[in-house]
Amino acid sequence: ITALGGEGTAAALQRTFLRFFKEFNYEKMGLSCQLRQDICKMGGVESTPSGFVIVKGKGAPSVNVNGFTQYVSWKDLLARIQRITDGNTKAIVE
């Protein structure tokens, strides 16, 4: 799903810098799925030339979460979500 900071030297420096922060502000967050004949057309809060924005960061530091796969089968989407929830990471909701 995501790319943190894009590509190149600037992105590498940003990723190194971002590890010192525990919280990040965001301007917008959203994820959509238009389901037709077992195919989900994914979207977010904005479109990009290569996909869509799921989380648009705000302020400093700014983190954007981008999606790149616009069409995915419903079965594959559910399997991906299951993999995330079965993983070693836990969602923190405060």
Protein backbone atom coordinates (compact mmCIF):
# COMPACT_ATOMS: atom_id res chain seq x y z
CA ILE A 1 0.00 0.00 0.00
CA THR A 2 2.37 2.70 1.05
CA ALA A 3 5.42 4.68 0.23
CA LEU A 4 6.95 6.76 2.96
CA GLY A 5 8.36 9.95 1.55
CA GLY A 6 8.79 8.82 -2.03
CA GLU A 7 12.09 7.84 -3.62
CA GLY A 8 15.65 9.12 -3.57
CA THR A 9 18.08 10.70 -1.16
CA ALA A 10 15.58 13.16 0.31
CA ALA A 11 13.22 10.30 1.15
CA ALA A 12 16.01 8.30 2.84
CA LEU A 13 16.91 11.30 4.99
CA GLN A 14 13.26 11.86 5.85
CA ARG A 15 12.77 8.23 6.92
CA THR A 16 15.83 8.47 9.20
CA PHE A 17 14.54 11.71 10.71
CA LEU A 18 10.97 10.43 11.18
CA ARG A 19 11.95 7.58 13.50
CA PHE A 20 12.36 10.12 16.32
CA PHE A 21 8.65 11.02 16.27
CA LYS A 22 5.83 9.04 17.87
CA GLU A 23 2.95 11.16 16.58
CA PHE A 24 2.15 12.68 13.21
CA ASN A 25 -0.54 15.18 12.31
CA TYR A 26 -2.68 14.67 9.26
CA GLU A 27 -4.90 16.89 7.16
CA LYS A 28 -7.15 14.22 5.64
CA MET A 29 -7.63 10.47 5.88
CA GLY A 30 -9.91 8.20 3.86
CA LEU A 31 -10.14 4.92 2.01
CA SER A 32 -12.90 3.84 -0.36
CA CYS A 33 -13.87 0.71 -2.27
CA GLN A 34 -16.41 0.67 -5.09
CA LEU A 35 -17.33 -3.01 -5.47
CA ARG A 36 -18.54 -4.27 -8.86
CA GLN A 37 -18.53 -7.95 -9.87
CA ASP A 38 -15.97 -8.96 -7.21
CA ILE A 39 -13.54 -6.17 -8.20
CA CYS A 40 -12.90 -3.33 -5.78
CA LYS A 41 -11.89 0.04 -7.23
CA MET A 42 -9.80 1.59 -4.46
CA GLY A 43 -9.61 5.29 -3.74
CA GLY A 44 -8.60 7.76 -1.07
CA VAL A 45 -8.83 11.46 -0.26
CA GLU A 46 -7.00 12.48 -3.46
CA SER A 47 -5.87 10.96 -6.74
CA THR A 48 -2.24 10.95 -7.86
CA PRO A 49 -0.73 10.07 -11.25
CA SER A 50 0.32 6.68 -9.84
CA GLY A 51 -2.57 5.90 -7.46
CA PHE A 52 -4.30 7.60 -4.55
CA VAL A 53 -3.64 9.22 -1.15
CA ILE A 54 -4.99 7.42 1.93
CA VAL A 55 -3.48 9.76 4.55
CA LYS A 56 -2.38 13.29 3.69
CA GLY A 57 0.09 14.58 6.26
CA LYS A 58 0.04 18.05 7.79
CA GLY A 59 2.76 20.16 9.38
CA ALA A 60 6.18 18.92 10.34
CA PRO A 61 6.96 16.13 10.22
CA SER A 62 4.55 15.20 7.45
CA VAL A 63 3.80 11.59 6.51
CA ASN A 64 1.68 10.62 3.52
CA VAL A 65 0.30 7.13 2.97
CA ASN A 66 -0.29 6.32 -0.69
CA GLY A 67 -2.05 3.43 -2.41
CA PHE A 68 -0.82 2.23 -5.77
CA THR A 69 -3.10 -0.69 -6.66
CA GLN A 70 -6.36 0.82 -7.84
CA TYR A 71 -8.15 -2.42 -8.76
CA VAL A 72 -8.10 -5.49 -6.52
CA SER A 73 -10.39 -8.50 -6.22
CA TRP A 74 -12.62 -8.55 -3.15
CA LYS A 75 -11.11 -11.91 -2.10
CA ASP A 76 -7.55 -10.51 -2.33
CA LEU A 77 -8.51 -7.37 -0.40
CA LEU A 78 -9.99 -9.44 2.44
CA ALA A 79 -6.87 -11.66 2.48
CA ARG A 80 -4.63 -8.59 2.70
CA ILE A 81 -6.66 -7.16 5.58
CA GLN A 82 -6.54 -10.55 7.33
CA ARG A 83 -2.73 -10.66 6.94
CA ILE A 84 -2.46 -7.22 8.55
CA THR A 85 -4.70 -8.12 11.48
CA ASP A 86 -2.94 -11.49 12.00
CA GLY A 87 0.52 -9.87 12.02
CA ASN A 88 2.75 -9.06 14.93
CA THR A 89 1.61 -5.45 15.07
CA LYS A 90 -1.37 -4.27 17.03
CA ALA A 91 -3.46 -1.24 16.30
CA ILE A 92 -3.30 1.39 19.03
CA VAL A 93 -6.56 3.26 19.49
CA GLU A 94 -6.62 6.05 22.04
